[in-house]
N, C-alpha and C. Protein backbone atom coordinates (compact mmCIF):
# COMPACT_ATOMS: atom_id res chain seq x y z
N MET A 1 0.85 -1.20 0.00
CA MET A 1 0.00 0.00 0.00
C MET A 1 0.89 1.24 0.00
N GLY A 2 0.53 2.23 -0.83
CA GLY A 2 1.33 3.44 -0.91
C GLY A 2 1.15 4.33 0.30
N THR A 3 2.10 5.21 0.52
CA THR A 3 1.99 6.16 1.61
C THR A 3 0.99 7.23 1.24
N ARG A 4 0.64 8.06 2.25
CA ARG A 4 -0.35 9.11 2.00
C ARG A 4 0.14 10.09 0.95
N SER A 5 1.46 10.38 0.96
CA SER A 5 1.99 11.34 -0.01
C SER A 5 1.93 10.80 -1.43
N GLN A 6 1.80 9.46 -1.59
CA GLN A 6 1.74 8.86 -2.92
C GLN A 6 0.32 8.75 -3.44
N ILE A 7 -0.66 8.82 -2.54
CA ILE A 7 -2.05 8.69 -2.94
C ILE A 7 -2.44 9.88 -3.81
N HIS A 8 -2.99 9.62 -4.94
CA HIS A 8 -3.44 10.65 -5.89
C HIS A 8 -2.29 11.50 -6.44
N ALA A 9 -1.05 11.09 -6.16
CA ALA A 9 0.08 11.90 -6.64
C ALA A 9 0.09 11.97 -8.16
N VAL A 10 -0.39 10.89 -8.80
CA VAL A 10 -0.37 10.85 -10.24
C VAL A 10 -1.33 11.87 -10.84
N ASP A 11 -2.34 12.29 -10.06
CA ASP A 11 -3.32 13.25 -10.55
C ASP A 11 -2.80 14.67 -10.56
N PHE A 12 -1.80 14.96 -9.78
CA PHE A 12 -1.31 16.32 -9.62
C PHE A 12 0.03 16.49 -10.33
N PRO A 13 0.26 17.66 -10.91
CA PRO A 13 1.58 17.91 -11.51
C PRO A 13 2.66 17.87 -10.43
N PRO A 14 3.81 17.27 -10.73
CA PRO A 14 4.87 17.18 -9.71
C PRO A 14 5.39 18.52 -9.26
N GLN A 15 5.26 19.53 -10.12
CA GLN A 15 5.74 20.87 -9.78
C GLN A 15 4.88 21.91 -10.48
N LEU A 16 4.59 22.99 -9.78
CA LEU A 16 3.75 24.06 -10.34
C LEU A 16 4.61 25.13 -10.98
N ASP A 17 4.19 25.57 -12.15
CA ASP A 17 4.87 26.71 -12.74
C ASP A 17 4.16 28.00 -12.31
N GLN A 18 4.71 29.14 -12.69
CA GLN A 18 4.19 30.42 -12.23
C GLN A 18 2.76 30.65 -12.72
N THR A 19 2.47 30.23 -13.93
CA THR A 19 1.13 30.42 -14.47
C THR A 19 0.09 29.63 -13.69
N GLU A 20 0.40 28.37 -13.37
CA GLU A 20 -0.52 27.54 -12.60
C GLU A 20 -0.74 28.10 -11.20
N MET A 21 0.32 28.63 -10.60
CA MET A 21 0.19 29.22 -9.27
C MET A 21 -0.73 30.42 -9.30
N GLU A 22 -0.59 31.26 -10.31
CA GLU A 22 -1.38 32.49 -10.37
C GLU A 22 -2.83 32.23 -10.73
N THR A 23 -3.07 31.24 -11.57
CA THR A 23 -4.44 31.00 -12.04
C THR A 23 -5.25 30.12 -11.11
N ARG A 24 -4.64 29.04 -10.57
CA ARG A 24 -5.41 28.09 -9.76
C ARG A 24 -4.82 27.86 -8.38
N GLY A 25 -3.56 28.19 -8.19
CA GLY A 25 -2.93 27.94 -6.89
C GLY A 25 -3.38 28.94 -5.84
N VAL A 26 -3.50 28.44 -4.62
CA VAL A 26 -3.85 29.28 -3.46
C VAL A 26 -2.61 29.39 -2.59
N SER A 27 -1.96 30.54 -2.64
CA SER A 27 -0.68 30.73 -1.96
C SER A 27 -0.87 31.16 -0.52
N GLU A 28 -0.01 30.66 0.34
CA GLU A 28 -0.02 31.02 1.76
C GLU A 28 0.33 32.49 1.93
N SER A 29 -0.35 33.15 2.86
CA SER A 29 -0.04 34.54 3.22
C SER A 29 0.78 34.54 4.50
N PHE A 30 1.79 35.37 4.54
CA PHE A 30 2.70 35.38 5.68
C PHE A 30 2.37 36.53 6.63
N THR A 31 2.52 36.27 7.91
CA THR A 31 2.34 37.31 8.93
C THR A 31 3.64 38.09 9.09
N TRP A 32 3.61 39.13 9.93
CA TRP A 32 4.74 40.05 10.03
C TRP A 32 5.45 39.97 11.39
N GLY A 33 5.51 38.78 11.95
CA GLY A 33 6.17 38.62 13.25
C GLY A 33 7.64 38.99 13.25
N PRO A 34 8.46 38.45 12.32
CA PRO A 34 9.89 38.78 12.31
C PRO A 34 10.15 40.27 12.13
N GLN A 35 9.35 40.93 11.29
CA GLN A 35 9.54 42.36 11.09
C GLN A 35 9.25 43.14 12.38
N ALA A 36 8.23 42.70 13.13
CA ALA A 36 7.93 43.35 14.40
C ALA A 36 9.06 43.15 15.40
N MET A 37 9.73 41.98 15.35
CA MET A 37 10.85 41.73 16.25
C MET A 37 12.00 42.68 15.96
N TRP A 38 12.25 42.97 14.69
CA TRP A 38 13.31 43.91 14.36
C TRP A 38 12.98 45.31 14.85
N LEU A 39 11.72 45.71 14.72
CA LEU A 39 11.31 47.03 15.22
C LEU A 39 11.45 47.09 16.74
N LEU A 40 11.10 46.01 17.43
CA LEU A 40 11.25 45.98 18.89
C LEU A 40 12.72 46.09 19.27
N CYS A 41 13.58 45.40 18.54
CA CYS A 41 15.01 45.48 18.80
C CYS A 41 15.50 46.92 18.62
N GLY A 42 15.06 47.57 17.57
CA GLY A 42 15.46 48.97 17.35
C GLY A 42 14.97 49.89 18.44
N LEU A 43 13.75 49.64 18.93
CA LEU A 43 13.20 50.46 20.00
C LEU A 43 14.03 50.32 21.27
N ILE A 44 14.45 49.09 21.58
CA ILE A 44 15.25 48.87 22.79
C ILE A 44 16.61 49.56 22.67
N TRP A 45 17.23 49.47 21.51
CA TRP A 45 18.53 50.13 21.35
C TRP A 45 18.39 51.65 21.34
N PHE A 46 17.29 52.16 20.81
CA PHE A 46 17.01 53.59 20.88
C PHE A 46 16.92 54.03 22.34
N PHE A 47 16.21 53.24 23.13
CA PHE A 47 16.04 53.56 24.55
C PHE A 47 17.39 53.48 25.28
N TYR A 48 18.23 52.53 24.87
CA TYR A 48 19.56 52.41 25.47
C TYR A 48 20.38 53.68 25.25
N LEU A 49 20.31 54.23 24.04
CA LEU A 49 21.03 55.47 23.76
C LEU A 49 20.52 56.61 24.63
N LEU A 50 19.25 56.53 24.98
CA LEU A 50 18.65 57.59 25.78
C LEU A 50 19.07 57.53 27.24
N VAL A 51 19.24 56.31 27.77
CA VAL A 51 19.49 56.16 29.21
C VAL A 51 20.91 55.70 29.53
N ARG A 52 21.82 55.75 28.54
CA ARG A 52 23.16 55.22 28.79
C ARG A 52 23.93 56.03 29.81
N ASP A 53 23.48 57.25 30.11
CA ASP A 53 24.15 58.04 31.15
C ASP A 53 23.84 57.51 32.54
N ILE A 54 22.84 56.64 32.65
CA ILE A 54 22.55 55.98 33.92
C ILE A 54 23.15 54.58 33.82
N PRO A 55 24.35 54.36 34.38
CA PRO A 55 25.13 53.14 34.11
C PRO A 55 24.35 51.84 34.31
N GLU A 56 23.71 51.70 35.48
CA GLU A 56 23.04 50.42 35.77
C GLU A 56 21.87 50.18 34.81
N LEU A 57 21.06 51.20 34.59
CA LEU A 57 19.93 51.06 33.69
C LEU A 57 20.39 50.85 32.26
N GLY A 58 21.41 51.60 31.85
CA GLY A 58 21.93 51.44 30.50
C GLY A 58 22.51 50.07 30.26
N ARG A 59 23.22 49.53 31.27
CA ARG A 59 23.83 48.20 31.11
C ARG A 59 22.76 47.13 30.98
N ASN A 60 21.72 47.20 31.80
CA ASN A 60 20.64 46.21 31.73
C ASN A 60 19.87 46.32 30.42
N THR A 61 19.65 47.55 29.98
CA THR A 61 18.94 47.75 28.72
C THR A 61 19.75 47.22 27.54
N ALA A 62 21.09 47.37 27.61
CA ALA A 62 21.94 46.86 26.54
C ALA A 62 21.85 45.34 26.45
N LEU A 63 21.80 44.67 27.60
CA LEU A 63 21.69 43.21 27.60
C LEU A 63 20.35 42.77 27.01
N ILE A 64 19.29 43.50 27.38
CA ILE A 64 17.97 43.18 26.81
C ILE A 64 17.96 43.41 25.31
N GLY A 65 18.61 44.51 24.88
CA GLY A 65 18.69 44.79 23.45
C GLY A 65 19.46 43.73 22.69
N ALA A 66 20.56 43.24 23.31
CA ALA A 66 21.34 42.18 22.66
C ALA A 66 20.50 40.92 22.52
N GLY A 67 19.74 40.60 23.57
CA GLY A 67 18.85 39.43 23.50
C GLY A 67 17.79 39.58 22.44
N ALA A 68 17.22 40.78 22.35
CA ALA A 68 16.19 41.04 21.33
C ALA A 68 16.78 40.94 19.93
N THR A 69 18.05 41.38 19.78
CA THR A 69 18.71 41.28 18.48
C THR A 69 18.86 39.83 18.03
N VAL A 70 19.24 38.97 18.98
CA VAL A 70 19.37 37.54 18.66
C VAL A 70 18.02 36.96 18.25
N LEU A 71 16.98 37.29 19.02
CA LEU A 71 15.65 36.80 18.69
C LEU A 71 15.18 37.32 17.33
N ALA A 72 15.47 38.59 17.05
CA ALA A 72 15.09 39.17 15.77
C ALA A 72 15.81 38.47 14.62
N ALA A 73 17.10 38.19 14.81
CA ALA A 73 17.86 37.49 13.77
C ALA A 73 17.31 36.09 13.52
N LEU A 74 16.95 35.39 14.61
CA LEU A 74 16.34 34.07 14.47
C LEU A 74 14.99 34.17 13.76
N GLY A 75 14.24 35.25 14.08
CA GLY A 75 12.95 35.44 13.43
C GLY A 75 13.09 35.67 11.94
N VAL A 76 14.11 36.45 11.54
CA VAL A 76 14.33 36.70 10.11
C VAL A 76 14.75 35.41 9.41
N TRP A 77 15.61 34.63 10.06
CA TRP A 77 16.03 33.34 9.48
C TRP A 77 14.82 32.42 9.28
N TYR A 78 13.98 32.38 10.29
CA TYR A 78 12.77 31.54 10.20
C TYR A 78 11.85 32.04 9.09
N ASP A 79 11.72 33.37 8.96
CA ASP A 79 10.84 33.93 7.95
C ASP A 79 11.36 33.63 6.55
N MET A 80 12.66 33.74 6.34
CA MET A 80 13.25 33.43 5.03
C MET A 80 13.08 31.95 4.71
N ARG A 81 13.23 31.12 5.73
CA ARG A 81 13.10 29.67 5.53
C ARG A 81 11.67 29.30 5.15
N ARG A 82 10.68 29.84 5.85
CA ARG A 82 9.30 29.47 5.56
C ARG A 82 8.82 30.07 4.23
N ARG A 83 9.38 31.22 3.82
CA ARG A 83 9.00 31.79 2.53
C ARG A 83 9.52 30.94 1.38
N LYS A 84 10.69 30.33 1.57
CA LYS A 84 11.20 29.43 0.55
C LYS A 84 10.35 28.17 0.46
N ARG A 85 9.68 27.82 1.56
CA ARG A 85 8.83 26.63 1.58
C ARG A 85 7.36 27.01 1.61
N GLN A 86 7.02 28.07 0.94
CA GLN A 86 5.65 28.57 0.94
C GLN A 86 4.67 27.47 0.54
N THR A 87 3.60 27.36 1.32
CA THR A 87 2.56 26.37 1.04
C THR A 87 1.62 26.90 -0.05
N VAL A 88 1.39 26.09 -1.04
CA VAL A 88 0.46 26.43 -2.11
C VAL A 88 -0.53 25.28 -2.26
N LEU A 89 -1.82 25.59 -2.26
CA LEU A 89 -2.86 24.59 -2.45
C LEU A 89 -3.32 24.62 -3.90
N TYR A 90 -3.57 23.42 -4.44
CA TYR A 90 -3.94 23.31 -5.85
C TYR A 90 -5.11 22.33 -5.96
N PRO A 91 -6.34 22.84 -6.19
CA PRO A 91 -7.50 21.94 -6.28
C PRO A 91 -7.55 21.22 -7.61
N LEU A 92 -7.84 19.92 -7.53
CA LEU A 92 -7.91 19.13 -8.76
C LEU A 92 -8.68 17.84 -8.49
N GLY A 93 -9.69 17.58 -9.30
CA GLY A 93 -10.41 16.33 -9.21
C GLY A 93 -11.07 16.06 -7.88
N GLY A 94 -11.56 17.10 -7.22
CA GLY A 94 -12.23 16.91 -5.94
C GLY A 94 -11.31 16.79 -4.76
N ARG A 95 -10.00 16.92 -4.98
CA ARG A 95 -9.03 16.90 -3.89
C ARG A 95 -8.18 18.15 -3.95
N ILE A 96 -7.37 18.36 -2.91
CA ILE A 96 -6.50 19.52 -2.85
C ILE A 96 -5.06 19.04 -2.72
N GLY A 97 -4.24 19.45 -3.65
CA GLY A 97 -2.82 19.11 -3.58
C GLY A 97 -2.07 20.16 -2.77
N CYS A 98 -1.19 19.69 -1.90
CA CYS A 98 -0.38 20.58 -1.06
C CYS A 98 1.03 20.63 -1.62
N TYR A 99 1.48 21.83 -1.96
CA TYR A 99 2.81 22.04 -2.52
C TYR A 99 3.65 22.87 -1.55
N SER A 100 4.91 22.54 -1.49
CA SER A 100 5.87 23.30 -0.69
C SER A 100 7.05 23.63 -1.59
N GLY A 101 7.34 24.92 -1.75
CA GLY A 101 8.38 25.31 -2.68
C GLY A 101 8.04 24.91 -4.10
N ASN A 102 6.74 24.94 -4.43
CA ASN A 102 6.22 24.59 -5.76
C ASN A 102 6.33 23.10 -6.08
N VAL A 103 6.74 22.28 -5.13
CA VAL A 103 6.89 20.84 -5.35
C VAL A 103 5.76 20.11 -4.63
N PHE A 104 5.14 19.15 -5.32
CA PHE A 104 4.01 18.41 -4.75
C PHE A 104 4.47 17.59 -3.54
N GLN A 105 3.66 17.64 -2.45
CA GLN A 105 3.96 16.90 -1.24
C GLN A 105 2.95 15.77 -1.02
N TYR A 106 1.67 16.10 -0.99
CA TYR A 106 0.60 15.12 -0.79
C TYR A 106 -0.72 15.80 -1.13
N SER A 107 -1.79 15.03 -1.10
CA SER A 107 -3.11 15.59 -1.35
C SER A 107 -4.05 15.18 -0.22
N PHE A 108 -5.14 15.92 -0.08
CA PHE A 108 -6.12 15.62 0.96
C PHE A 108 -7.50 16.05 0.49
N ALA A 109 -8.51 15.55 1.18
CA ALA A 109 -9.88 15.90 0.85
C ALA A 109 -10.19 17.30 1.37
N PRO A 110 -11.04 18.05 0.68
CA PRO A 110 -11.38 19.41 1.14
C PRO A 110 -11.92 19.44 2.56
N ALA A 111 -12.63 18.38 2.98
CA ALA A 111 -13.21 18.37 4.33
C ALA A 111 -12.14 18.33 5.42
N GLU A 112 -10.91 17.94 5.08
CA GLU A 112 -9.83 17.89 6.07
C GLU A 112 -9.21 19.26 6.33
N MET A 113 -9.57 20.22 5.52
CA MET A 113 -9.05 21.58 5.67
C MET A 113 -10.00 22.36 6.58
N VAL A 114 -9.58 22.63 7.81
CA VAL A 114 -10.46 23.19 8.83
C VAL A 114 -10.11 24.65 9.09
N ARG A 115 -11.11 25.50 8.93
CA ARG A 115 -10.91 26.93 9.20
C ARG A 115 -11.27 27.25 10.64
N VAL A 116 -10.43 28.08 11.27
CA VAL A 116 -10.69 28.53 12.64
C VAL A 116 -11.32 29.91 12.56
N ARG A 117 -12.57 29.99 12.96
CA ARG A 117 -13.29 31.26 12.93
C ARG A 117 -13.39 31.82 14.35
N GLN A 118 -13.01 33.08 14.51
CA GLN A 118 -13.09 33.74 15.80
C GLN A 118 -14.28 34.69 15.82
N GLY A 119 -14.98 34.68 16.94
CA GLY A 119 -16.12 35.57 17.09
C GLY A 119 -15.68 37.00 17.37
N PHE A 120 -16.66 37.90 17.46
CA PHE A 120 -16.35 39.31 17.69
C PHE A 120 -15.63 39.50 19.03
N PHE A 121 -16.06 38.78 20.07
CA PHE A 121 -15.45 38.94 21.38
C PHE A 121 -13.99 38.48 21.36
N GLU A 122 -13.73 37.33 20.73
CA GLU A 122 -12.36 36.82 20.67
C GLU A 122 -11.45 37.78 19.91
N ARG A 123 -11.97 38.30 18.79
CA ARG A 123 -11.16 39.25 18.01
C ARG A 123 -10.91 40.54 18.79
N SER A 124 -11.92 41.01 19.51
CA SER A 124 -11.77 42.24 20.29
C SER A 124 -10.73 42.05 21.39
N MET A 125 -10.74 40.89 22.04
CA MET A 125 -9.77 40.64 23.10
C MET A 125 -8.35 40.58 22.55
N ILE A 126 -8.19 39.98 21.37
CA ILE A 126 -6.86 39.93 20.76
C ILE A 126 -6.35 41.33 20.48
N VAL A 127 -7.21 42.18 19.93
CA VAL A 127 -6.82 43.55 19.63
C VAL A 127 -6.48 44.31 20.91
N LEU A 128 -7.32 44.16 21.93
CA LEU A 128 -7.09 44.89 23.18
C LEU A 128 -5.81 44.41 23.89
N LYS A 129 -5.57 43.11 23.87
CA LYS A 129 -4.38 42.57 24.54
C LYS A 129 -3.09 43.07 23.91
N THR A 130 -3.14 43.41 22.64
CA THR A 130 -1.95 43.94 21.97
C THR A 130 -1.92 45.46 21.96
N LEU A 131 -3.08 46.08 21.85
CA LEU A 131 -3.12 47.53 21.76
C LEU A 131 -2.83 48.19 23.11
N VAL A 132 -3.39 47.65 24.19
CA VAL A 132 -3.22 48.27 25.51
C VAL A 132 -1.75 48.31 25.93
N PRO A 133 -0.99 47.18 25.86
CA PRO A 133 0.44 47.27 26.22
C PRO A 133 1.21 48.27 25.38
N MET A 134 0.87 48.37 24.09
CA MET A 134 1.55 49.35 23.24
C MET A 134 1.25 50.78 23.67
N LEU A 135 0.00 51.03 24.04
CA LEU A 135 -0.36 52.36 24.51
C LEU A 135 0.33 52.68 25.84
N ILE A 136 0.43 51.69 26.71
CA ILE A 136 1.13 51.89 27.98
C ILE A 136 2.60 52.20 27.73
N LEU A 137 3.21 51.46 26.80
CA LEU A 137 4.62 51.71 26.45
C LEU A 137 4.80 53.12 25.92
N MET A 138 3.90 53.55 25.06
CA MET A 138 4.00 54.90 24.52
C MET A 138 3.82 55.94 25.62
N ALA A 139 2.93 55.68 26.57
CA ALA A 139 2.71 56.62 27.66
C ALA A 139 3.96 56.74 28.53
N ILE A 140 4.59 55.60 28.82
CA ILE A 140 5.82 55.62 29.63
C ILE A 140 6.93 56.41 28.92
N LEU A 141 7.09 56.12 27.64
CA LEU A 141 8.12 56.84 26.88
C LEU A 141 7.77 58.32 26.76
N GLY A 142 6.47 58.64 26.69
CA GLY A 142 6.07 60.04 26.64
C GLY A 142 6.45 60.78 27.92
N VAL A 143 6.28 60.10 29.07
CA VAL A 143 6.66 60.71 30.35
C VAL A 143 8.17 60.93 30.40
N VAL A 144 8.93 59.90 29.94
CA VAL A 144 10.39 60.03 29.93
C VAL A 144 10.82 61.17 29.01
N MET A 145 10.17 61.26 27.84
CA MET A 145 10.52 62.33 26.91
C MET A 145 10.22 63.70 27.51
N TRP A 146 9.04 63.82 28.15
CA TRP A 146 8.66 65.11 28.74
C TRP A 146 9.63 65.52 29.83
N ASP A 147 10.07 64.53 30.62
CA ASP A 147 11.04 64.82 31.67
C ASP A 147 12.37 65.23 31.07
N GLY A 148 12.75 64.60 29.95
CA GLY A 148 14.01 64.95 29.30
C GLY A 148 13.97 66.33 28.68
N LEU A 149 12.81 66.73 28.16
CA LEU A 149 12.69 68.05 27.54
C LEU A 149 12.84 69.16 28.57
N LYS A 150 12.50 68.86 29.82
CA LYS A 150 12.60 69.87 30.87
C LYS A 150 14.03 70.06 31.35
N GLN A 151 14.91 69.08 31.01
CA GLN A 151 16.29 69.17 31.45
C GLN A 151 17.10 69.99 30.45
N PRO A 152 18.06 70.80 30.93
CA PRO A 152 18.90 71.57 30.01
C PRO A 152 19.84 70.64 29.24
N GLY A 153 20.16 71.02 28.02
CA GLY A 153 21.06 70.20 27.21
C GLY A 153 20.60 70.19 25.76
N SER A 154 21.34 69.45 24.93
CA SER A 154 21.06 69.42 23.49
C SER A 154 20.64 68.04 23.00
N ARG A 155 20.15 67.18 23.91
CA ARG A 155 19.80 65.82 23.53
C ARG A 155 18.29 65.64 23.40
N HIS A 156 17.57 66.76 23.24
CA HIS A 156 16.13 66.65 23.15
C HIS A 156 15.69 65.86 21.92
N TRP A 157 16.49 65.88 20.86
CA TRP A 157 16.12 65.17 19.64
C TRP A 157 16.05 63.67 19.90
N GLN A 158 16.89 63.18 20.83
CA GLN A 158 16.86 61.75 21.15
C GLN A 158 15.54 61.37 21.82
N ASP A 159 15.07 62.22 22.73
CA ASP A 159 13.79 61.95 23.39
C ASP A 159 12.66 61.91 22.36
N ILE A 160 12.66 62.88 21.47
CA ILE A 160 11.61 62.95 20.45
C ILE A 160 11.71 61.75 19.50
N ALA A 161 12.95 61.37 19.14
CA ALA A 161 13.15 60.24 18.24
C ALA A 161 12.62 58.94 18.84
N VAL A 162 12.87 58.74 20.14
CA VAL A 162 12.38 57.53 20.81
C VAL A 162 10.86 57.49 20.81
N LEU A 163 10.23 58.62 21.08
CA LEU A 163 8.76 58.65 21.10
C LEU A 163 8.19 58.39 19.71
N ILE A 164 8.77 59.03 18.68
CA ILE A 164 8.28 58.81 17.32
C ILE A 164 8.47 57.35 16.90
N TYR A 165 9.64 56.79 17.22
CA TYR A 165 9.90 55.39 16.87
C TYR A 165 8.92 54.47 17.58
N SER A 166 8.64 54.76 18.85
CA SER A 166 7.69 53.91 19.59
C SER A 166 6.29 53.99 18.98
N MET A 167 5.92 55.18 18.52
CA MET A 167 4.61 55.32 17.87
C MET A 167 4.55 54.49 16.58
N LEU A 168 5.63 54.54 15.79
CA LEU A 168 5.67 53.74 14.57
C LEU A 168 5.64 52.25 14.89
N PHE A 169 6.36 51.84 15.95
CA PHE A 169 6.36 50.44 16.36
C PHE A 169 4.96 50.00 16.78
N ALA A 170 4.29 50.85 17.55
CA ALA A 170 2.94 50.51 18.01
C ALA A 170 1.98 50.41 16.84
N ILE A 171 2.09 51.34 15.89
CA ILE A 171 1.20 51.29 14.72
C ILE A 171 1.46 50.04 13.89
N PHE A 172 2.73 49.73 13.64
CA PHE A 172 3.06 48.54 12.86
C PHE A 172 2.62 47.28 13.58
N GLY A 173 2.89 47.22 14.89
CA GLY A 173 2.49 46.04 15.66
C GLY A 173 0.99 45.84 15.64
N PHE A 174 0.24 46.94 15.77
CA PHE A 174 -1.22 46.83 15.75
C PHE A 174 -1.70 46.34 14.39
N VAL A 175 -1.13 46.90 13.32
CA VAL A 175 -1.53 46.48 11.98
C VAL A 175 -1.18 45.02 11.74
N ALA A 176 -0.01 44.59 12.23
CA ALA A 176 0.40 43.20 12.06
C ALA A 176 -0.54 42.24 12.77
N ILE A 177 -0.92 42.57 14.01
CA ILE A 177 -1.85 41.73 14.75
C ILE A 177 -3.22 41.74 14.11
N PHE A 178 -3.67 42.92 13.70
CA PHE A 178 -4.97 43.03 13.04
C PHE A 178 -5.00 42.21 11.76
N ARG A 179 -3.92 42.29 11.00
CA ARG A 179 -3.86 41.57 9.72
C ARG A 179 -3.90 40.06 9.93
N SER A 180 -3.08 39.55 10.85
CA SER A 180 -2.99 38.11 11.02
C SER A 180 -4.22 37.51 11.68
N ASN A 181 -4.94 38.28 12.50
CA ASN A 181 -6.07 37.73 13.23
C ASN A 181 -7.43 38.10 12.65
N ILE A 182 -7.49 39.14 11.85
CA ILE A 182 -8.79 39.60 11.34
C ILE A 182 -8.81 39.61 9.81
N THR A 183 -7.78 40.19 9.19
CA THR A 183 -7.78 40.29 7.73
C THR A 183 -7.59 38.93 7.06
N LEU A 184 -6.64 38.14 7.58
CA LEU A 184 -6.34 36.84 6.97
C LEU A 184 -7.20 35.74 7.59
N ALA A 185 -7.40 34.69 6.82
CA ALA A 185 -8.15 33.52 7.29
C ALA A 185 -7.15 32.47 7.76
N PHE A 186 -7.40 31.92 8.96
CA PHE A 186 -6.49 30.94 9.56
C PHE A 186 -7.07 29.54 9.41
N PHE A 187 -6.22 28.61 8.95
CA PHE A 187 -6.62 27.23 8.73
C PHE A 187 -5.64 26.27 9.40
N TRP A 188 -6.18 25.11 9.77
CA TRP A 188 -5.34 23.96 10.12
C TRP A 188 -5.41 23.00 8.93
N LEU A 189 -4.26 22.75 8.32
CA LEU A 189 -4.21 21.83 7.21
C LEU A 189 -3.70 20.48 7.68
N PRO A 190 -4.15 19.39 7.05
CA PRO A 190 -3.60 18.07 7.41
C PRO A 190 -2.17 17.94 6.93
N ASN A 191 -1.36 17.21 7.71
CA ASN A 191 0.00 16.95 7.27
C ASN A 191 0.02 15.68 6.41
N GLY A 192 1.18 15.19 6.11
CA GLY A 192 1.28 14.02 5.26
C GLY A 192 0.68 12.77 5.86
N LYS A 193 0.45 12.78 7.20
CA LYS A 193 -0.13 11.61 7.87
C LYS A 193 -1.61 11.78 8.15
N GLY A 194 -2.18 12.89 7.71
CA GLY A 194 -3.61 13.09 7.86
C GLY A 194 -4.03 13.83 9.11
N LYS A 195 -3.09 14.23 9.97
CA LYS A 195 -3.43 14.96 11.18
C LYS A 195 -3.43 16.46 10.90
N ALA A 196 -4.53 17.14 11.26
CA ALA A 196 -4.65 18.57 10.99
C ALA A 196 -3.85 19.37 12.03
N ASP A 197 -2.57 19.56 11.77
CA ASP A 197 -1.71 20.28 12.71
C ASP A 197 -0.78 21.26 12.00
N LYS A 198 -1.11 21.60 10.77
CA LYS A 198 -0.27 22.53 10.01
C LYS A 198 -0.95 23.89 9.95
N PRO A 199 -0.46 24.89 10.71
CA PRO A 199 -1.12 26.21 10.71
C PRO A 199 -0.74 27.04 9.49
N VAL A 200 -1.74 27.58 8.81
CA VAL A 200 -1.50 28.35 7.60
C VAL A 200 -2.51 29.50 7.53
N HIS A 201 -2.04 30.66 7.08
CA HIS A 201 -2.92 31.80 6.83
C HIS A 201 -3.10 31.97 5.32
N PHE A 202 -4.33 32.34 4.93
CA PHE A 202 -4.63 32.63 3.53
C PHE A 202 -5.40 33.94 3.45
N HIS A 203 -5.18 34.65 2.35
CA HIS A 203 -5.98 35.85 2.11
C HIS A 203 -7.32 35.42 1.52
N PRO A 204 -8.42 36.04 1.94
CA PRO A 204 -9.75 35.66 1.44
C PRO A 204 -9.85 35.65 -0.09
N ARG A 205 -9.15 36.56 -0.75
CA ARG A 205 -9.26 36.58 -2.22
C ARG A 205 -8.60 35.35 -2.83
N GLU A 206 -7.57 34.81 -2.15
CA GLU A 206 -6.95 33.59 -2.63
C GLU A 206 -7.89 32.40 -2.47
N LEU A 207 -8.67 32.41 -1.39
CA LEU A 207 -9.57 31.29 -1.13
C LEU A 207 -10.67 31.17 -2.18
N ARG A 208 -10.96 32.25 -2.87
CA ARG A 208 -12.00 32.19 -3.90
C ARG A 208 -11.62 31.19 -4.99
N LYS A 209 -10.32 30.96 -5.17
CA LYS A 209 -9.88 29.99 -6.16
C LYS A 209 -10.31 28.58 -5.76
N LEU A 210 -10.31 28.30 -4.45
CA LEU A 210 -10.77 27.00 -3.99
C LEU A 210 -12.28 26.88 -4.11
N GLU A 211 -12.97 27.98 -3.75
CA GLU A 211 -14.43 27.95 -3.76
C GLU A 211 -14.99 27.86 -5.17
N SER A 212 -14.25 28.40 -6.14
CA SER A 212 -14.73 28.36 -7.53
C SER A 212 -14.13 27.20 -8.31
N GLY A 213 -13.21 26.46 -7.66
CA GLY A 213 -12.58 25.34 -8.34
C GLY A 213 -13.12 24.01 -7.87
N ASP A 214 -12.19 23.06 -7.68
CA ASP A 214 -12.60 21.70 -7.31
C ASP A 214 -12.62 21.47 -5.81
N GLY A 215 -12.08 22.39 -5.05
CA GLY A 215 -11.99 22.20 -3.61
C GLY A 215 -12.82 23.21 -2.85
N HIS A 216 -13.33 22.79 -1.69
CA HIS A 216 -14.16 23.69 -0.88
C HIS A 216 -13.71 23.56 0.58
N PRO A 217 -13.06 24.60 1.17
CA PRO A 217 -12.61 24.50 2.55
C PRO A 217 -13.77 24.39 3.50
N ARG A 218 -13.60 23.63 4.57
CA ARG A 218 -14.65 23.45 5.55
C ARG A 218 -14.66 24.60 6.53
N GLY A 219 -15.83 25.03 6.96
CA GLY A 219 -15.97 26.08 7.97
C GLY A 219 -16.26 27.41 7.33
């Protein structure tokens, strides 16, 4: 008996070309987690430049910034790796072929593709849990900036730069969370063994290709 990846493999092209991907393929949409990590790293280092005259605080902030830099670098590596292995769904003959890096992996029935739908309350809580900490962070930095502006010296531009950067970070972070949890559709796809444990995001306009083709996602 053939393995799951071999079942119906003959029905699907072994590799998708660009035309097939654009016309019938449903490409995975990526979230912006690694990019947010880089912005967080920059915010921490900005803050370090602001408080480096306070030795103990500056030293601790530098260590946190170094840690954030490592995490951001790992996030970028992970993002580059997953983009090279982008998941593409290809409906054909009542089944859905799963491609990674444009290469056929296995196929599954449309009913095995499960969409996770969040209600209004769940979505609101996700937004609030991310928006409130960002607003608190901006308020703290605003107080620090205001205190710095009252002090004599020529480093006021640093205080203003930190506040502006934090505002941009908060806006980007909010948009990233909003996009991944509200704009994009989240699915659990079956793996090669049939267990639905593969998390994937799709843009609703991409899903129309499944709905108008041979496959119909459940939920």
